[in-house]
Amino acid sequence: MADRLILLLEDQPLISLDIEEALTDKGMSNFVTLRSQKEAMAWLERSSPDFVLLDLYLNDGDSQPVLARLQKNSIPFMIYTGSEKPPEWNAALFEGSEWMSKPSDPDALADRIRTRLAVI
């Protein structure tokens, strides 16, 4: 599982640092952290992660284009958001997806990611 590539899409540095530390503590050290929709879209043009953890709302806009790309390429993802429920505009993208509210315990989040990686 340590070799699985995880993309973290989170624009808040302190939150992403907590997640990175929790993942590393759980034996998942192969990850890339990006902070914007623009960076993510460019990175996904040339790379294919095994799993993506993404924030819905980034400094440069919402993550709808990123979600569409992940679904098009059948890349598993989990939404990590401060929003209490997925927005109406994106309801179809959320069918069957997993999401977790933030802030939450980074260790619990890492455990959920590890569980998802175990089944893909």
Protein backbone atom coordinates (compact mmCIF):
# COMPACT_ATOMS: atom_id res chain seq x y z
CA MET A 1 0.00 0.00 0.00
CA ALA A 2 2.95 2.33 0.56
CA ASP A 3 3.56 2.50 -3.19
CA ARG A 4 0.04 3.67 -4.04
CA LEU A 5 0.06 7.27 -5.28
CA ILE A 6 -2.31 9.59 -3.44
CA LEU A 7 -3.18 13.08 -4.63
CA LEU A 8 -4.15 15.53 -1.88
CA LEU A 9 -5.99 18.55 -3.19
CA GLU A 10 -6.22 20.98 -0.27
CA ASP A 11 -5.64 24.73 -0.31
CA GLN A 12 -5.11 25.18 3.43
CA PRO A 13 -1.45 24.43 4.27
CA LEU A 14 -2.02 23.55 7.94
CA ILE A 15 -4.76 21.08 7.10
CA SER A 16 -2.71 19.44 4.36
CA LEU A 17 0.30 19.20 6.67
CA ASP A 18 -1.81 17.40 9.29
CA ILE A 19 -3.09 14.99 6.64
CA GLU A 20 0.41 14.38 5.25
CA GLU A 21 1.73 13.57 8.73
CA ALA A 22 -1.17 11.21 9.46
CA LEU A 23 -0.71 9.41 6.13
CA THR A 24 3.02 9.04 6.72
CA ASP A 25 2.40 7.72 10.24
CA LYS A 26 0.06 5.10 8.74
CA GLY A 27 2.66 3.96 6.19
CA MET A 28 1.36 5.91 3.20
CA SER A 29 4.17 8.19 2.10
CA ASN A 30 3.70 8.29 -1.67
CA PHE A 31 1.58 11.40 -2.09
CA VAL A 32 1.50 14.69 -3.94
CA THR A 33 -0.14 17.76 -2.43
CA LEU A 34 -1.59 20.43 -4.69
CA ARG A 35 -3.36 23.63 -3.67
CA SER A 36 -5.47 24.69 -6.65
CA GLN A 37 -7.86 23.44 -9.27
CA LYS A 38 -5.51 24.72 -11.97
CA GLU A 39 -2.55 22.76 -10.55
CA ALA A 40 -4.65 19.63 -10.20
CA MET A 41 -5.96 19.74 -13.75
CA ALA A 42 -2.45 20.20 -15.16
CA TRP A 43 -1.03 17.43 -12.95
CA LEU A 44 -3.83 15.01 -13.92
CA GLU A 45 -2.92 15.55 -17.60
CA ARG A 46 0.39 13.79 -17.02
CA SER A 47 -0.19 11.62 -13.94
CA SER A 48 -2.70 9.08 -12.73
CA PRO A 49 -3.02 8.71 -8.96
CA ASP A 50 -4.45 5.61 -7.32
CA PHE A 51 -6.62 7.73 -5.05
CA VAL A 52 -7.52 11.40 -4.59
CA LEU A 53 -8.56 13.29 -1.47
CA LEU A 54 -10.00 16.62 -2.48
CA ASP A 55 -11.46 19.71 -0.96
CA LEU A 56 -14.56 20.95 -2.78
CA TYR A 57 -13.83 24.65 -2.54
CA LEU A 58 -10.37 25.91 -3.42
CA ASN A 59 -8.94 29.41 -3.62
CA ASP A 60 -9.28 29.39 -7.41
CA GLY A 61 -12.80 27.94 -7.57
CA ASP A 62 -14.75 24.81 -6.89
CA SER A 63 -13.49 21.33 -7.71
CA GLN A 64 -16.20 20.42 -10.22
CA PRO A 65 -13.77 20.13 -13.19
CA VAL A 66 -11.42 17.97 -11.12
CA LEU A 67 -14.30 15.71 -10.02
CA ALA A 68 -15.44 15.33 -13.61
CA ARG A 69 -11.92 14.35 -14.69
CA LEU A 70 -11.61 11.80 -11.87
CA GLN A 71 -14.91 10.20 -12.78
CA LYS A 72 -14.11 10.18 -16.49
CA ASN A 73 -10.86 8.34 -15.76
CA SER A 74 -12.37 6.08 -13.06
CA ILE A 75 -9.98 7.37 -10.41
CA PRO A 76 -11.26 6.68 -6.87
CA PHE A 77 -11.67 9.73 -4.67
CA MET A 78 -12.98 10.97 -1.36
CA ILE A 79 -14.28 14.47 -0.79
CA TYR A 80 -12.97 16.30 2.27
CA THR A 81 -14.93 19.49 2.78
CA GLY A 82 -16.05 22.10 5.25
CA SER A 83 -19.46 22.03 3.57
CA GLU A 84 -22.07 20.09 5.53
CA LYS A 85 -23.48 18.39 2.46
CA PRO A 86 -22.54 18.18 -1.19
CA PRO A 87 -23.91 21.09 -3.22
CA GLU A 88 -26.98 20.69 -5.40
CA TRP A 89 -25.11 21.62 -8.60
CA ASN A 90 -22.96 18.55 -8.29
CA ALA A 91 -25.44 15.97 -6.97
CA ALA A 92 -24.82 13.51 -9.79
CA LEU A 93 -21.07 13.51 -9.15
CA PHE A 94 -21.63 12.61 -5.52
CA GLU A 95 -23.70 9.49 -6.10
CA GLY A 96 -21.73 6.66 -4.58
CA SER A 97 -18.83 8.88 -3.53
CA GLU A 98 -17.47 9.02 -0.04
CA TRP A 99 -16.98 12.29 1.77
CA MET A 100 -15.89 13.50 5.17
CA SER A 101 -16.44 16.85 6.84
CA LYS A 102 -13.55 18.96 7.99
CA PRO A 103 -12.13 19.65 10.36
CA SER A 104 -11.84 16.08 11.53
CA ASP A 105 -9.23 13.86 13.11
CA PRO A 106 -6.38 13.43 10.58
CA ASP A 107 -5.74 9.90 11.86
CA ALA A 108 -9.36 8.91 11.25
CA LEU A 109 -9.12 10.39 7.77
CA ALA A 110 -5.90 8.45 7.08
CA ASP A 111 -7.60 5.26 8.28
CA ARG A 112 -10.46 5.82 5.85
CA ILE A 113 -8.01 6.39 3.01
CA ARG A 114 -6.10 3.24 3.92
CA THR A 115 -9.37 1.29 3.94
CA ARG A 116 -10.29 2.61 0.49
CA LEU A 117 -6.85 1.77 -0.89
CA ALA A 118 -7.16 -1.78 0.43
CA VAL A 119 -10.20 -2.44 -1.75
CA ILE A 120 -9.06 -0.84 -5.01
